[in-house]
Amino acid sequence: MSDENNSELDLGPVLEEPENIEIPEAGVGTLFSDDLPVIASKLTAMETFFKILVADLSFQDFIREVLITLMRAVKSEAGSILEVNHAEKNIFFRAAAGHASDQVVRFVIPMGQGIVGHVVESRQPLLVSNVNENQVHLNAITNAIGFEARNMIALPLIVRGQVYGVVELL
């Protein structure tokens, strides 16, 4: 493109002095915000993801590193990545990190049971602000491992239209 064509464009002032900038308080709404701390956090997470993608890791270690990166980005106490076993009609823990993670990996959840079962069937994310009051939460796992989650986000992992698993951050 020549300078002649660029001279016809009126781009207006490149920098303008902002008026009355309001900085939102931290919370769920800031996840998609564009304020500086959120942008810095997003960039850090992206940099970590790129490092994980090129690292020489086993699949299990790769999944665990992805989980830990997600947990740091959302500031979670615990988290897991669960995988759907369509043949056996159940959901198992592929990776877990945080409090009682070594105990939770022993559990297998029947398809359709609990919050993760609901997320698999609905194919929709679920944000639970009070896990104990949620009707689909599996108390058996909570009671067995001794970790009481206060709130949770569960996201389906969908590849080419098929649900392969769920990311659960507590």
Foldseek 3Di string as FASTA:
>chain_A
DDVVVVVVDDPDDPDDDDDDDDDDDDDPVCCPPDDDVNVVLVVVLVVQLVVLVPDDDDPLVSQQSNLVSVCVSVVFQKKFKWFADVVVQWIATSAIDHQLRVPRRVDIGHQCAAPFNVCQVVVAKDKFQALVPDPRHDVVSCVVRVDHDGIKIKHFDADPHHTTIIIIGD
